[in-house]
Amino acid sequence: MTSCQKMRPGATVYAGKQGFSYVEGISKERMGAQGLCMHLLTIPPGGRAKAHKHATHETAIFVISGRGMMAWGERLEHVMETGAGEMIYIPADMPHLPWNPGPEPVTARTDPHEQESVVLLPELDGLVG
């Protein structure tokens, strides 16, 4: 049986397939989590991910600060703006591409193996700005 644990993010930074660096927080590897993951992501002004989807898991994002944009849909045909204090739900297998038009948003993500189910979609990268 696992016990309750407290941690502070920041000890480990890793490069995600999507093109950003993540600060490891709660994960299967670090804390033994089985059904969720929470890392911190800072998207610098002008920063943009590679088009991708998470083939086997849903994603939840909480914007701590700043303002972010995200194109989503089979052809990235929808656009959503989010700001500090807002949350985003992304269903499993949904193509999406986030970017930062201005100040740095910081987000938290879910899934114990978030990078394992990332599928890059280079054929969609040119569809957004």
N, C-alpha and C. Protein backbone atom coordinates (compact mmCIF):
# COMPACT_ATOMS: atom_id res chain seq x y z
N MET A 1 0.83 -1.18 0.00
CA MET A 1 0.00 0.00 0.00
C MET A 1 0.88 1.25 0.00
N THR A 2 0.54 2.21 -0.83
CA THR A 2 1.28 3.45 -0.95
C THR A 2 0.82 4.42 0.13
N SER A 3 1.73 5.23 0.62
CA SER A 3 1.38 6.23 1.62
C SER A 3 1.19 7.59 0.95
N CYS A 4 0.62 8.53 1.69
CA CYS A 4 0.49 9.90 1.20
C CYS A 4 1.89 10.50 1.12
N GLN A 5 2.13 11.30 0.10
CA GLN A 5 3.44 11.88 -0.11
C GLN A 5 3.31 13.35 -0.49
N LYS A 6 4.27 14.13 -0.09
CA LYS A 6 4.32 15.54 -0.46
C LYS A 6 5.60 15.76 -1.24
N MET A 7 5.55 16.59 -2.24
CA MET A 7 6.75 16.87 -3.02
C MET A 7 6.68 18.29 -3.56
N ARG A 8 7.80 18.77 -4.01
CA ARG A 8 7.89 20.07 -4.65
C ARG A 8 8.46 19.84 -6.05
N PRO A 9 7.76 20.30 -7.10
CA PRO A 9 8.28 20.09 -8.45
C PRO A 9 9.57 20.86 -8.66
N GLY A 10 10.35 20.42 -9.62
CA GLY A 10 11.53 21.18 -9.99
C GLY A 10 12.82 20.40 -10.01
N ALA A 11 12.85 19.21 -9.42
CA ALA A 11 14.08 18.44 -9.37
C ALA A 11 14.47 17.87 -10.74
N THR A 12 13.48 17.49 -11.54
CA THR A 12 13.75 16.84 -12.83
C THR A 12 13.02 17.58 -13.95
N VAL A 13 13.76 17.92 -14.99
CA VAL A 13 13.18 18.53 -16.18
C VAL A 13 13.45 17.57 -17.33
N TYR A 14 12.41 17.30 -18.14
CA TYR A 14 12.61 16.41 -19.28
C TYR A 14 12.01 17.03 -20.53
N ALA A 15 12.56 16.64 -21.68
CA ALA A 15 12.09 17.13 -22.98
C ALA A 15 10.96 16.24 -23.47
N GLY A 16 9.80 16.82 -23.74
CA GLY A 16 8.67 16.09 -24.28
C GLY A 16 8.74 16.02 -25.79
N LYS A 17 8.11 15.03 -26.37
CA LYS A 17 8.07 14.86 -27.82
C LYS A 17 7.42 16.06 -28.52
N GLN A 18 6.52 16.74 -27.80
CA GLN A 18 5.77 17.84 -28.39
C GLN A 18 6.62 19.09 -28.62
N GLY A 19 7.83 19.13 -28.09
CA GLY A 19 8.71 20.27 -28.31
C GLY A 19 8.90 21.18 -27.11
N PHE A 20 8.40 20.80 -25.94
CA PHE A 20 8.54 21.61 -24.73
C PHE A 20 9.32 20.83 -23.68
N SER A 21 9.84 21.56 -22.70
CA SER A 21 10.46 20.95 -21.53
C SER A 21 9.46 20.98 -20.38
N TYR A 22 9.37 19.88 -19.65
CA TYR A 22 8.42 19.73 -18.55
C TYR A 22 9.17 19.60 -17.24
N VAL A 23 8.65 20.19 -16.17
CA VAL A 23 9.17 20.00 -14.83
C VAL A 23 8.38 18.87 -14.22
N GLU A 24 9.07 17.77 -13.88
CA GLU A 24 8.38 16.60 -13.35
C GLU A 24 7.78 16.89 -11.98
N GLY A 25 6.55 16.47 -11.83
CA GLY A 25 5.86 16.59 -10.55
C GLY A 25 5.46 15.21 -10.08
N ILE A 26 4.17 14.96 -10.05
CA ILE A 26 3.65 13.66 -9.63
C ILE A 26 3.56 12.77 -10.86
N SER A 27 4.15 11.58 -10.77
CA SER A 27 4.13 10.64 -11.89
C SER A 27 4.27 9.22 -11.35
N LYS A 28 4.12 8.27 -12.22
CA LYS A 28 4.29 6.87 -11.83
C LYS A 28 5.74 6.64 -11.38
N GLU A 29 6.68 7.17 -12.15
CA GLU A 29 8.08 6.95 -11.85
C GLU A 29 8.51 7.61 -10.55
N ARG A 30 8.03 8.79 -10.31
CA ARG A 30 8.49 9.56 -9.14
C ARG A 30 7.73 9.24 -7.86
N MET A 31 6.40 9.03 -7.95
CA MET A 31 5.59 8.88 -6.75
C MET A 31 4.82 7.56 -6.70
N GLY A 32 4.85 6.78 -7.78
CA GLY A 32 4.08 5.55 -7.82
C GLY A 32 2.63 5.74 -8.24
N ALA A 33 2.29 6.90 -8.81
CA ALA A 33 0.91 7.18 -9.25
C ALA A 33 0.48 6.15 -10.28
N GLN A 34 -0.77 5.73 -10.22
CA GLN A 34 -1.29 4.73 -11.14
C GLN A 34 -2.26 5.29 -12.17
N GLY A 35 -2.90 6.41 -11.89
CA GLY A 35 -3.92 6.90 -12.81
C GLY A 35 -3.84 8.37 -13.13
N LEU A 36 -2.81 9.06 -12.65
CA LEU A 36 -2.71 10.48 -12.97
C LEU A 36 -1.26 10.92 -12.96
N CYS A 37 -1.07 12.11 -13.47
CA CYS A 37 0.25 12.71 -13.56
C CYS A 37 0.06 14.21 -13.49
N MET A 38 0.95 14.92 -12.83
CA MET A 38 0.87 16.37 -12.80
C MET A 38 2.28 16.94 -12.93
N HIS A 39 2.54 17.52 -14.07
CA HIS A 39 3.82 18.18 -14.33
C HIS A 39 3.55 19.65 -14.57
N LEU A 40 4.59 20.45 -14.51
CA LEU A 40 4.48 21.87 -14.84
C LEU A 40 5.11 22.13 -16.19
N LEU A 41 4.44 22.93 -16.98
CA LEU A 41 4.91 23.30 -18.31
C LEU A 41 4.84 24.80 -18.43
N THR A 42 5.94 25.41 -18.86
CA THR A 42 5.94 26.83 -19.19
C THR A 42 6.15 26.95 -20.68
N ILE A 43 5.20 27.60 -21.35
CA ILE A 43 5.34 27.86 -22.78
C ILE A 43 5.81 29.30 -22.91
N PRO A 44 7.04 29.53 -23.42
CA PRO A 44 7.54 30.90 -23.52
C PRO A 44 6.76 31.69 -24.57
N PRO A 45 6.78 33.04 -24.49
CA PRO A 45 6.10 33.85 -25.50
C PRO A 45 6.55 33.44 -26.90
N GLY A 46 5.59 33.20 -27.77
CA GLY A 46 5.89 32.76 -29.14
C GLY A 46 6.13 31.27 -29.25
N GLY A 47 6.18 30.55 -28.13
CA GLY A 47 6.41 29.11 -28.16
C GLY A 47 5.20 28.36 -28.69
N ARG A 48 5.47 27.24 -29.34
CA ARG A 48 4.41 26.46 -29.97
C ARG A 48 4.79 24.99 -29.94
N ALA A 49 3.83 24.13 -29.64
CA ALA A 49 4.06 22.69 -29.64
C ALA A 49 4.02 22.16 -31.06
N LYS A 50 4.40 20.91 -31.22
CA LYS A 50 4.17 20.18 -32.45
C LYS A 50 2.75 19.63 -32.37
N ALA A 51 2.06 19.55 -33.50
CA ALA A 51 0.73 18.94 -33.53
C ALA A 51 0.85 17.51 -33.03
N HIS A 52 -0.07 17.11 -32.14
CA HIS A 52 0.01 15.77 -31.55
C HIS A 52 -1.33 15.38 -30.96
N LYS A 53 -1.37 14.15 -30.49
CA LYS A 53 -2.52 13.66 -29.73
C LYS A 53 -1.99 12.70 -28.69
N HIS A 54 -2.79 12.41 -27.68
CA HIS A 54 -2.46 11.43 -26.66
C HIS A 54 -3.38 10.24 -26.93
N ALA A 55 -2.81 9.20 -27.52
CA ALA A 55 -3.60 8.11 -28.06
C ALA A 55 -4.40 7.34 -27.02
N THR A 56 -3.91 7.26 -25.80
CA THR A 56 -4.57 6.38 -24.85
C THR A 56 -5.06 7.07 -23.58
N HIS A 57 -4.99 8.39 -23.52
CA HIS A 57 -5.45 9.02 -22.28
C HIS A 57 -6.02 10.42 -22.50
N GLU A 58 -6.91 10.78 -21.59
CA GLU A 58 -7.46 12.13 -21.55
C GLU A 58 -6.42 13.05 -20.94
N THR A 59 -6.56 14.34 -21.22
CA THR A 59 -5.65 15.33 -20.67
C THR A 59 -6.46 16.42 -19.98
N ALA A 60 -6.00 16.83 -18.82
CA ALA A 60 -6.58 17.96 -18.10
C ALA A 60 -5.48 18.98 -17.90
N ILE A 61 -5.78 20.23 -18.19
CA ILE A 61 -4.80 21.31 -18.06
C ILE A 61 -5.40 22.42 -17.23
N PHE A 62 -4.64 22.95 -16.31
CA PHE A 62 -5.03 24.11 -15.53
C PHE A 62 -4.03 25.21 -15.81
N VAL A 63 -4.49 26.35 -16.32
CA VAL A 63 -3.60 27.47 -16.63
C VAL A 63 -3.41 28.27 -15.35
N ILE A 64 -2.17 28.32 -14.87
CA ILE A 64 -1.87 29.02 -13.63
C ILE A 64 -1.67 30.51 -13.88
N SER A 65 -0.98 30.84 -14.97
CA SER A 65 -0.74 32.24 -15.28
C SER A 65 -0.62 32.42 -16.78
N GLY A 66 -0.85 33.63 -17.24
CA GLY A 66 -0.70 33.94 -18.66
C GLY A 66 -1.94 33.60 -19.47
N ARG A 67 -1.74 33.50 -20.77
CA ARG A 67 -2.82 33.27 -21.72
C ARG A 67 -2.29 32.35 -22.80
N GLY A 68 -3.04 31.33 -23.12
CA GLY A 68 -2.61 30.38 -24.14
C GLY A 68 -3.68 30.17 -25.19
N MET A 69 -3.27 29.65 -26.32
CA MET A 69 -4.16 29.31 -27.43
C MET A 69 -3.97 27.84 -27.75
N MET A 70 -5.02 27.21 -28.27
CA MET A 70 -4.92 25.82 -28.68
C MET A 70 -5.83 25.58 -29.88
N ALA A 71 -5.26 25.04 -30.95
CA ALA A 71 -6.04 24.55 -32.08
C ALA A 71 -6.31 23.08 -31.81
N TRP A 72 -7.52 22.62 -32.15
CA TRP A 72 -7.87 21.23 -31.91
C TRP A 72 -8.89 20.76 -32.93
N GLY A 73 -9.02 19.44 -33.05
CA GLY A 73 -9.94 18.83 -34.01
C GLY A 73 -9.15 17.99 -35.00
N GLU A 74 -9.86 17.21 -35.79
CA GLU A 74 -9.20 16.30 -36.73
C GLU A 74 -8.26 17.02 -37.69
N ARG A 75 -8.60 18.27 -38.05
CA ARG A 75 -7.75 19.08 -38.93
C ARG A 75 -7.35 20.39 -38.23
N LEU A 76 -7.38 20.37 -36.89
CA LEU A 76 -7.06 21.54 -36.07
C LEU A 76 -7.92 22.74 -36.46
N GLU A 77 -9.18 22.45 -36.76
CA GLU A 77 -10.10 23.46 -37.28
C GLU A 77 -10.72 24.35 -36.20
N HIS A 78 -10.60 23.97 -34.94
CA HIS A 78 -11.17 24.76 -33.85
C HIS A 78 -10.04 25.47 -33.10
N VAL A 79 -10.32 26.65 -32.55
CA VAL A 79 -9.33 27.38 -31.78
C VAL A 79 -9.95 27.81 -30.46
N MET A 80 -9.20 27.63 -29.37
CA MET A 80 -9.66 27.97 -28.04
C MET A 80 -8.60 28.83 -27.36
N GLU A 81 -9.04 29.89 -26.69
CA GLU A 81 -8.14 30.71 -25.88
C GLU A 81 -8.42 30.41 -24.42
N THR A 82 -7.37 30.31 -23.61
CA THR A 82 -7.53 30.07 -22.18
C THR A 82 -6.66 31.05 -21.40
N GLY A 83 -7.12 31.40 -20.21
CA GLY A 83 -6.38 32.31 -19.36
C GLY A 83 -6.21 31.75 -17.97
N ALA A 84 -5.49 32.49 -17.15
CA ALA A 84 -5.22 32.07 -15.78
C ALA A 84 -6.52 31.72 -15.06
N GLY A 85 -6.50 30.59 -14.37
CA GLY A 85 -7.66 30.13 -13.61
C GLY A 85 -8.62 29.27 -14.40
N GLU A 86 -8.38 29.08 -15.69
CA GLU A 86 -9.26 28.25 -16.51
C GLU A 86 -8.67 26.85 -16.69
N MET A 87 -9.54 25.90 -16.99
CA MET A 87 -9.15 24.51 -17.19
C MET A 87 -9.55 24.06 -18.59
N ILE A 88 -8.82 23.12 -19.12
CA ILE A 88 -9.10 22.54 -20.44
C ILE A 88 -9.20 21.04 -20.28
N TYR A 89 -10.17 20.44 -20.95
CA TYR A 89 -10.29 18.99 -21.04
C TYR A 89 -10.05 18.60 -22.49
N ILE A 90 -9.15 17.64 -22.73
CA ILE A 90 -8.86 17.15 -24.07
C ILE A 90 -9.12 15.64 -24.06
N PRO A 91 -10.11 15.16 -24.85
CA PRO A 91 -10.37 13.72 -24.88
C PRO A 91 -9.18 12.95 -25.45
N ALA A 92 -9.06 11.69 -25.10
CA ALA A 92 -8.03 10.83 -25.68
C ALA A 92 -8.17 10.82 -27.19
N ASP A 93 -7.05 10.75 -27.88
CA ASP A 93 -7.00 10.62 -29.35
C ASP A 93 -7.44 11.89 -30.08
N MET A 94 -7.48 13.04 -29.41
CA MET A 94 -7.89 14.30 -30.03
C MET A 94 -6.66 15.08 -30.48
N PRO A 95 -6.48 15.32 -31.79
CA PRO A 95 -5.37 16.15 -32.25
C PRO A 95 -5.47 17.56 -31.67
N HIS A 96 -4.32 18.10 -31.26
CA HIS A 96 -4.29 19.46 -30.74
C HIS A 96 -2.89 20.05 -30.88
N LEU A 97 -2.83 21.37 -30.82
CA LEU A 97 -1.57 22.09 -30.95
C LEU A 97 -1.68 23.38 -30.13
N PRO A 98 -1.02 23.44 -28.96
CA PRO A 98 -1.07 24.66 -28.15
C PRO A 98 0.08 25.61 -28.51
N TRP A 99 -0.16 26.92 -28.26
CA TRP A 99 0.90 27.91 -28.43
C TRP A 99 0.65 29.09 -27.50
N ASN A 100 1.67 29.91 -27.35
CA ASN A 100 1.60 31.06 -26.46
C ASN A 100 1.79 32.34 -27.26
N PRO A 101 0.74 33.15 -27.43
CA PRO A 101 0.87 34.41 -28.16
C PRO A 101 1.44 35.54 -27.30
N GLY A 102 1.61 35.31 -25.99
CA GLY A 102 2.05 36.39 -25.12
C GLY A 102 2.74 35.90 -23.87
N PRO A 103 2.32 36.36 -22.69
CA PRO A 103 2.97 35.98 -21.42
C PRO A 103 2.94 34.48 -21.18
N GLU A 104 3.79 34.01 -20.27
CA GLU A 104 3.98 32.57 -20.06
C GLU A 104 2.85 31.91 -19.28
N PRO A 105 2.07 31.03 -19.93
CA PRO A 105 1.13 30.21 -19.16
C PRO A 105 1.86 29.01 -18.57
N VAL A 106 1.44 28.56 -17.44
CA VAL A 106 2.00 27.36 -16.82
C VAL A 106 0.85 26.38 -16.66
N THR A 107 1.04 25.13 -17.02
CA THR A 107 -0.05 24.17 -17.01
C THR A 107 0.29 22.92 -16.23
N ALA A 108 -0.72 22.18 -15.82
CA ALA A 108 -0.56 20.87 -15.20
C ALA A 108 -1.24 19.84 -16.09
N ARG A 109 -0.69 18.64 -16.15
CA ARG A 109 -1.18 17.61 -17.07
C ARG A 109 -1.51 16.33 -16.32
N THR A 110 -2.21 15.41 -16.97
CA THR A 110 -2.58 14.15 -16.33
C THR A 110 -2.04 12.95 -17.10
N ASP A 111 -2.03 11.80 -16.48
CA ASP A 111 -1.68 10.47 -16.96
C ASP A 111 -0.32 10.04 -16.42
N PRO A 112 -0.24 8.82 -15.88
CA PRO A 112 1.02 8.39 -15.29
C PRO A 112 2.15 8.20 -16.30
N HIS A 113 1.82 7.99 -17.55
CA HIS A 113 2.85 7.85 -18.59
C HIS A 113 2.50 8.78 -19.75
N GLU A 114 2.39 10.05 -19.46
CA GLU A 114 1.95 11.07 -20.40
C GLU A 114 2.70 11.01 -21.73
N GLN A 115 4.01 10.83 -21.72
CA GLN A 115 4.78 10.84 -22.97
C GLN A 115 4.64 9.55 -23.76
N GLU A 116 4.32 8.43 -23.11
CA GLU A 116 4.24 7.15 -23.82
C GLU A 116 3.16 7.13 -24.88
N SER A 117 2.06 7.86 -24.67
CA SER A 117 0.98 7.80 -25.65
C SER A 117 0.95 9.01 -26.58
N VAL A 118 2.00 9.85 -26.54
CA VAL A 118 2.06 11.00 -27.44
C VAL A 118 2.32 10.50 -28.86
N VAL A 119 1.48 10.92 -29.80
CA VAL A 119 1.63 10.60 -31.21
C VAL A 119 1.77 11.93 -31.94
N LEU A 120 2.95 12.21 -32.50
CA LEU A 120 3.15 13.44 -33.26
C LEU A 120 2.39 13.37 -34.57
N LEU A 121 1.84 14.51 -35.01
CA LEU A 121 1.05 14.60 -36.24
C LEU A 121 1.65 15.68 -37.15
N PRO A 122 2.83 15.43 -37.72
CA PRO A 122 3.51 16.45 -38.51
C PRO A 122 2.70 16.93 -39.71
N GLU A 123 1.80 16.10 -40.22
CA GLU A 123 0.97 16.50 -41.35
C GLU A 123 -0.01 17.62 -40.98
N LEU A 124 -0.22 17.86 -39.69
CA LEU A 124 -1.12 18.94 -39.26
C LEU A 124 -0.39 20.21 -38.84
N ASP A 125 0.92 20.14 -38.64
CA ASP A 125 1.68 21.29 -38.15
C ASP A 125 1.49 22.55 -38.98
N GLY A 126 1.43 22.43 -40.29
CA GLY A 126 1.30 23.59 -41.18
C GLY A 126 -0.09 24.20 -41.21
N LEU A 127 -1.07 23.59 -40.54
CA LEU A 127 -2.44 24.09 -40.60
C LEU A 127 -2.69 25.25 -39.64
N VAL A 128 -1.76 25.50 -38.70
CA VAL A 128 -1.94 26.58 -37.72
C VAL A 128 -0.85 27.61 -37.91
N GLY A 129 -1.27 28.87 -38.09
CA GLY A 129 -0.50 30.08 -38.19
C GLY A 129 0.93 30.00 -38.44
